[in-house]
N, C-alpha and C. Protein backbone atom coordinates (compact mmCIF):
# COMPACT_ATOMS: atom_id res chain seq x y z
N PRO A 1 0.82 -1.21 0.00
CA PRO A 1 0.00 0.00 0.00
C PRO A 1 0.85 1.26 0.00
N VAL A 2 0.29 2.31 -0.55
CA VAL A 2 0.96 3.61 -0.62
C VAL A 2 -0.04 4.67 -0.16
N ILE A 3 0.35 5.42 0.84
CA ILE A 3 -0.43 6.56 1.30
C ILE A 3 0.18 7.79 0.66
N VAL A 4 -0.64 8.58 -0.01
CA VAL A 4 -0.15 9.82 -0.62
C VAL A 4 -0.66 10.99 0.20
N GLN A 5 0.29 11.82 0.63
CA GLN A 5 -0.02 12.96 1.48
C GLN A 5 0.48 14.24 0.81
N HIS A 6 -0.29 15.31 0.93
CA HIS A 6 0.11 16.61 0.38
C HIS A 6 1.37 17.06 1.10
N ALA A 7 2.40 17.39 0.35
CA ALA A 7 3.70 17.73 0.93
C ALA A 7 3.68 19.03 1.72
N VAL A 8 2.74 19.91 1.44
CA VAL A 8 2.69 21.20 2.13
C VAL A 8 1.65 21.20 3.25
N SER A 9 0.43 20.80 2.94
CA SER A 9 -0.66 20.90 3.92
C SER A 9 -0.75 19.70 4.86
N GLY A 10 -0.19 18.56 4.43
CA GLY A 10 -0.30 17.34 5.23
C GLY A 10 -1.59 16.57 5.00
N GLU A 11 -2.46 17.08 4.13
CA GLU A 11 -3.73 16.40 3.86
C GLU A 11 -3.46 15.04 3.22
N VAL A 12 -4.16 14.00 3.69
CA VAL A 12 -4.06 12.68 3.07
C VAL A 12 -4.88 12.74 1.78
N LEU A 13 -4.21 12.45 0.66
CA LEU A 13 -4.85 12.60 -0.64
C LEU A 13 -5.49 11.32 -1.14
N MET A 14 -4.78 10.21 -1.02
CA MET A 14 -5.33 8.96 -1.54
C MET A 14 -4.52 7.77 -1.06
N LEU A 15 -5.04 6.59 -1.30
CA LEU A 15 -4.37 5.33 -1.03
C LEU A 15 -4.29 4.57 -2.35
N GLY A 16 -3.15 4.01 -2.63
CA GLY A 16 -2.98 3.21 -3.84
C GLY A 16 -2.02 2.07 -3.57
N TYR A 17 -1.66 1.37 -4.62
CA TYR A 17 -0.76 0.23 -4.50
C TYR A 17 0.35 0.34 -5.52
N MET A 18 1.55 -0.04 -5.11
CA MET A 18 2.70 -0.08 -6.01
C MET A 18 3.34 -1.45 -5.94
N ASN A 19 3.81 -1.90 -7.08
CA ASN A 19 4.71 -3.04 -7.12
C ASN A 19 6.10 -2.46 -7.38
N PRO A 20 7.15 -3.28 -7.40
CA PRO A 20 8.49 -2.72 -7.62
C PRO A 20 8.63 -1.92 -8.91
N GLU A 21 7.95 -2.35 -9.97
CA GLU A 21 8.01 -1.63 -11.24
C GLU A 21 7.37 -0.24 -11.13
N ALA A 22 6.25 -0.15 -10.43
CA ALA A 22 5.58 1.14 -10.24
C ALA A 22 6.45 2.07 -9.40
N LEU A 23 7.11 1.53 -8.39
CA LEU A 23 8.01 2.34 -7.57
C LEU A 23 9.17 2.86 -8.41
N ASP A 24 9.75 2.00 -9.22
CA ASP A 24 10.86 2.43 -10.10
C ASP A 24 10.42 3.55 -11.03
N LYS A 25 9.24 3.39 -11.64
CA LYS A 25 8.75 4.42 -12.57
C LYS A 25 8.46 5.73 -11.83
N THR A 26 7.94 5.62 -10.62
CA THR A 26 7.68 6.81 -9.80
C THR A 26 8.97 7.56 -9.53
N ILE A 27 10.00 6.83 -9.15
CA ILE A 27 11.30 7.45 -8.84
C ILE A 27 11.90 8.07 -10.10
N GLU A 28 11.83 7.36 -11.22
CA GLU A 28 12.40 7.86 -12.48
C GLU A 28 11.68 9.10 -13.00
N SER A 29 10.35 9.09 -12.94
CA SER A 29 9.57 10.17 -13.55
C SER A 29 9.29 11.33 -12.61
N GLY A 30 9.32 11.06 -11.30
CA GLY A 30 8.95 12.08 -10.33
C GLY A 30 7.45 12.27 -10.22
N LYS A 31 6.68 11.38 -10.87
CA LYS A 31 5.22 11.42 -10.81
C LYS A 31 4.74 10.08 -10.23
N VAL A 32 3.76 10.16 -9.34
CA VAL A 32 3.29 8.95 -8.66
C VAL A 32 2.65 8.00 -9.67
N THR A 33 3.15 6.78 -9.68
CA THR A 33 2.65 5.72 -10.55
C THR A 33 2.24 4.54 -9.68
N PHE A 34 1.07 4.01 -9.92
CA PHE A 34 0.54 2.90 -9.14
C PHE A 34 0.46 1.64 -9.99
N PHE A 35 0.22 0.52 -9.31
CA PHE A 35 -0.11 -0.73 -9.98
C PHE A 35 -1.59 -0.98 -9.74
N SER A 36 -2.36 -1.06 -10.81
CA SER A 36 -3.79 -1.34 -10.71
C SER A 36 -3.98 -2.84 -10.52
N ARG A 37 -4.52 -3.22 -9.39
CA ARG A 37 -4.74 -4.64 -9.11
C ARG A 37 -5.89 -5.19 -9.94
N THR A 38 -6.84 -4.34 -10.32
CA THR A 38 -7.97 -4.82 -11.13
C THR A 38 -7.60 -4.95 -12.60
N LYS A 39 -6.83 -3.98 -13.10
CA LYS A 39 -6.45 -4.00 -14.52
C LYS A 39 -5.10 -4.66 -14.76
N GLN A 40 -4.39 -4.97 -13.67
CA GLN A 40 -3.08 -5.63 -13.76
C GLN A 40 -2.11 -4.85 -14.66
N ARG A 41 -2.05 -3.52 -14.44
CA ARG A 41 -1.13 -2.70 -15.22
C ARG A 41 -0.72 -1.48 -14.41
N LEU A 42 0.36 -0.85 -14.84
CA LEU A 42 0.78 0.40 -14.21
C LEU A 42 -0.09 1.55 -14.70
N TRP A 43 -0.29 2.54 -13.84
CA TRP A 43 -0.97 3.77 -14.26
C TRP A 43 -0.39 4.93 -13.46
N THR A 44 -0.09 5.98 -14.18
CA THR A 44 0.43 7.19 -13.55
C THR A 44 -0.75 8.10 -13.24
N LYS A 45 -0.85 8.50 -11.98
CA LYS A 45 -1.93 9.40 -11.58
C LYS A 45 -1.84 10.66 -12.41
N GLY A 46 -2.90 10.99 -13.12
CA GLY A 46 -2.93 12.17 -13.97
C GLY A 46 -2.67 11.89 -15.44
N GLU A 47 -2.43 10.63 -15.80
CA GLU A 47 -2.12 10.33 -17.20
C GLU A 47 -3.27 10.67 -18.13
N THR A 48 -4.49 10.62 -17.64
CA THR A 48 -5.66 10.98 -18.44
C THR A 48 -6.13 12.40 -18.15
N SER A 49 -6.19 12.74 -16.87
CA SER A 49 -6.76 14.03 -16.44
C SER A 49 -5.77 15.18 -16.45
N GLY A 50 -4.48 14.86 -16.38
CA GLY A 50 -3.46 15.91 -16.23
C GLY A 50 -3.25 16.31 -14.78
N ASN A 51 -3.98 15.69 -13.87
CA ASN A 51 -3.86 15.98 -12.44
C ASN A 51 -2.80 15.09 -11.80
N PHE A 52 -1.55 15.40 -12.10
CA PHE A 52 -0.43 14.60 -11.63
C PHE A 52 -0.15 14.83 -10.16
N LEU A 53 0.52 13.87 -9.55
CA LEU A 53 1.04 14.00 -8.20
C LEU A 53 2.56 14.02 -8.32
N ASN A 54 3.16 15.18 -8.12
CA ASN A 54 4.61 15.33 -8.24
C ASN A 54 5.28 14.96 -6.92
N VAL A 55 6.17 14.00 -6.98
CA VAL A 55 6.79 13.43 -5.79
C VAL A 55 7.79 14.41 -5.15
N VAL A 56 7.68 14.54 -3.83
CA VAL A 56 8.63 15.31 -3.05
C VAL A 56 9.53 14.36 -2.26
N ASN A 57 8.91 13.32 -1.67
CA ASN A 57 9.68 12.37 -0.87
C ASN A 57 8.92 11.04 -0.79
N ILE A 58 9.67 9.97 -0.63
CA ILE A 58 9.09 8.64 -0.44
C ILE A 58 9.78 8.01 0.76
N ALA A 59 8.97 7.49 1.70
CA ALA A 59 9.55 6.86 2.89
C ALA A 59 8.75 5.60 3.24
N PRO A 60 9.45 4.54 3.64
CA PRO A 60 8.75 3.33 4.08
C PRO A 60 8.32 3.46 5.54
N ASP A 61 7.34 2.65 5.93
CA ASP A 61 6.96 2.60 7.34
C ASP A 61 7.94 1.70 8.09
N CYS A 62 7.73 1.54 9.39
CA CYS A 62 8.68 0.80 10.23
C CYS A 62 8.76 -0.68 9.88
N ASP A 63 7.73 -1.23 9.24
CA ASP A 63 7.73 -2.64 8.84
C ASP A 63 8.15 -2.85 7.40
N ASN A 64 8.42 -1.76 6.68
CA ASN A 64 8.79 -1.84 5.27
C ASN A 64 7.72 -2.49 4.41
N ASP A 65 6.44 -2.31 4.79
CA ASP A 65 5.39 -2.88 3.95
C ASP A 65 4.38 -1.84 3.46
N THR A 66 4.63 -0.58 3.76
CA THR A 66 3.79 0.52 3.29
C THR A 66 4.67 1.71 3.01
N LEU A 67 4.34 2.46 1.97
CA LEU A 67 5.09 3.67 1.65
C LEU A 67 4.24 4.90 1.92
N LEU A 68 4.91 5.95 2.39
CA LEU A 68 4.29 7.27 2.50
C LEU A 68 4.94 8.14 1.44
N VAL A 69 4.12 8.62 0.51
CA VAL A 69 4.61 9.49 -0.55
C VAL A 69 4.12 10.90 -0.26
N LEU A 70 5.06 11.83 -0.12
CA LEU A 70 4.71 13.24 -0.02
C LEU A 70 4.74 13.79 -1.43
N ALA A 71 3.67 14.45 -1.81
CA ALA A 71 3.54 14.91 -3.19
C ALA A 71 2.88 16.28 -3.26
N ASN A 72 3.16 16.97 -4.33
CA ASN A 72 2.47 18.22 -4.66
C ASN A 72 1.51 17.92 -5.80
N PRO A 73 0.21 18.00 -5.53
CA PRO A 73 -0.77 17.68 -6.57
C PRO A 73 -0.93 18.83 -7.57
N ILE A 74 -1.14 18.45 -8.82
CA ILE A 74 -1.51 19.41 -9.86
C ILE A 74 -3.00 19.20 -10.11
N GLY A 75 -3.82 20.04 -9.54
CA GLY A 75 -5.27 19.88 -9.66
C GLY A 75 -5.81 18.95 -8.60
N PRO A 76 -7.10 18.63 -8.69
CA PRO A 76 -7.72 17.75 -7.70
C PRO A 76 -7.16 16.33 -7.81
N THR A 77 -7.03 15.66 -6.68
CA THR A 77 -6.52 14.29 -6.68
C THR A 77 -7.60 13.29 -7.04
N CYS A 78 -8.78 13.48 -6.51
CA CYS A 78 -9.86 12.51 -6.72
C CYS A 78 -10.56 12.71 -8.06
N HIS A 79 -10.99 11.61 -8.66
CA HIS A 79 -11.73 11.68 -9.92
C HIS A 79 -13.08 12.38 -9.75
N LYS A 80 -13.52 12.56 -8.49
CA LYS A 80 -14.77 13.27 -8.23
C LYS A 80 -14.55 14.77 -8.12
N GLY A 81 -13.31 15.22 -8.33
CA GLY A 81 -13.02 16.65 -8.34
C GLY A 81 -12.63 17.24 -7.00
N THR A 82 -12.48 16.41 -5.98
CA THR A 82 -12.07 16.91 -4.67
C THR A 82 -10.56 16.79 -4.49
N SER A 83 -10.04 17.54 -3.54
CA SER A 83 -8.59 17.52 -3.32
C SER A 83 -8.12 16.19 -2.77
N SER A 84 -9.01 15.46 -2.10
CA SER A 84 -8.67 14.18 -1.48
C SER A 84 -9.70 13.13 -1.87
N CYS A 85 -9.26 11.90 -2.00
CA CYS A 85 -10.18 10.80 -2.25
C CYS A 85 -11.00 10.46 -1.00
N PHE A 86 -10.67 11.10 0.12
CA PHE A 86 -11.41 10.92 1.36
C PHE A 86 -12.38 12.07 1.58
N GLY A 87 -12.74 12.76 0.51
CA GLY A 87 -13.66 13.88 0.60
C GLY A 87 -12.92 15.15 1.00
N GLU A 88 -13.68 16.16 1.28
CA GLU A 88 -13.07 17.42 1.72
C GLU A 88 -12.67 17.28 3.17
N THR A 89 -11.40 17.02 3.38
CA THR A 89 -10.90 16.75 4.73
C THR A 89 -10.00 17.88 5.21
N ALA A 90 -10.38 19.10 4.91
CA ALA A 90 -9.56 20.25 5.31
C ALA A 90 -9.34 20.22 6.81
N HIS A 91 -8.12 20.48 7.18
CA HIS A 91 -7.74 20.48 8.58
C HIS A 91 -8.07 21.85 9.18
N GLN A 92 -9.22 21.93 9.82
CA GLN A 92 -9.67 23.21 10.36
C GLN A 92 -8.72 23.76 11.41
N TRP A 93 -8.08 22.87 12.12
CA TRP A 93 -7.24 23.31 13.23
C TRP A 93 -5.76 23.19 12.93
N LEU A 94 -5.40 22.90 11.70
CA LEU A 94 -3.99 22.76 11.34
C LEU A 94 -3.20 24.03 11.63
N PHE A 95 -3.82 25.18 11.41
CA PHE A 95 -3.11 26.43 11.63
C PHE A 95 -2.70 26.58 13.10
N LEU A 96 -3.48 26.02 14.04
CA LEU A 96 -3.11 26.09 15.45
C LEU A 96 -1.85 25.27 15.73
N TYR A 97 -1.79 24.10 15.13
CA TYR A 97 -0.59 23.28 15.28
C TYR A 97 0.62 24.01 14.72
N GLN A 98 0.46 24.61 13.55
CA GLN A 98 1.56 25.33 12.94
C GLN A 98 2.00 26.51 13.79
N LEU A 99 1.06 27.22 14.39
CA LEU A 99 1.40 28.33 15.27
C LEU A 99 2.15 27.86 16.51
N GLU A 100 1.75 26.71 17.04
CA GLU A 100 2.42 26.15 18.22
C GLU A 100 3.88 25.81 17.92
N GLN A 101 4.17 25.50 16.68
CA GLN A 101 5.53 25.10 16.31
C GLN A 101 6.47 26.28 16.17
N LEU A 102 5.95 27.50 16.14
CA LEU A 102 6.78 28.70 15.98
C LEU A 102 7.55 29.03 17.24
């Protein structure tokens, strides 16, 4: 599994899956590429819509079985036109956390 998070806001954008080939293509292109388990093929997010996810960083979790991809989205991430596939999940209180860090 791959969790894609907005590199600036921290918003969780989507969940997808990568195989080693998709990870290699993601690293080479700088655009998030997934492996479609239903279609059994690679697909780059935005290849049809132009709404790419530009990679900022990729990190594994502590068990090395999930990746966290920090990305800068070009346009909405979800095919429904929202910034996140989890609906409008704007962090109402994120600014308070950011202020506390100053």
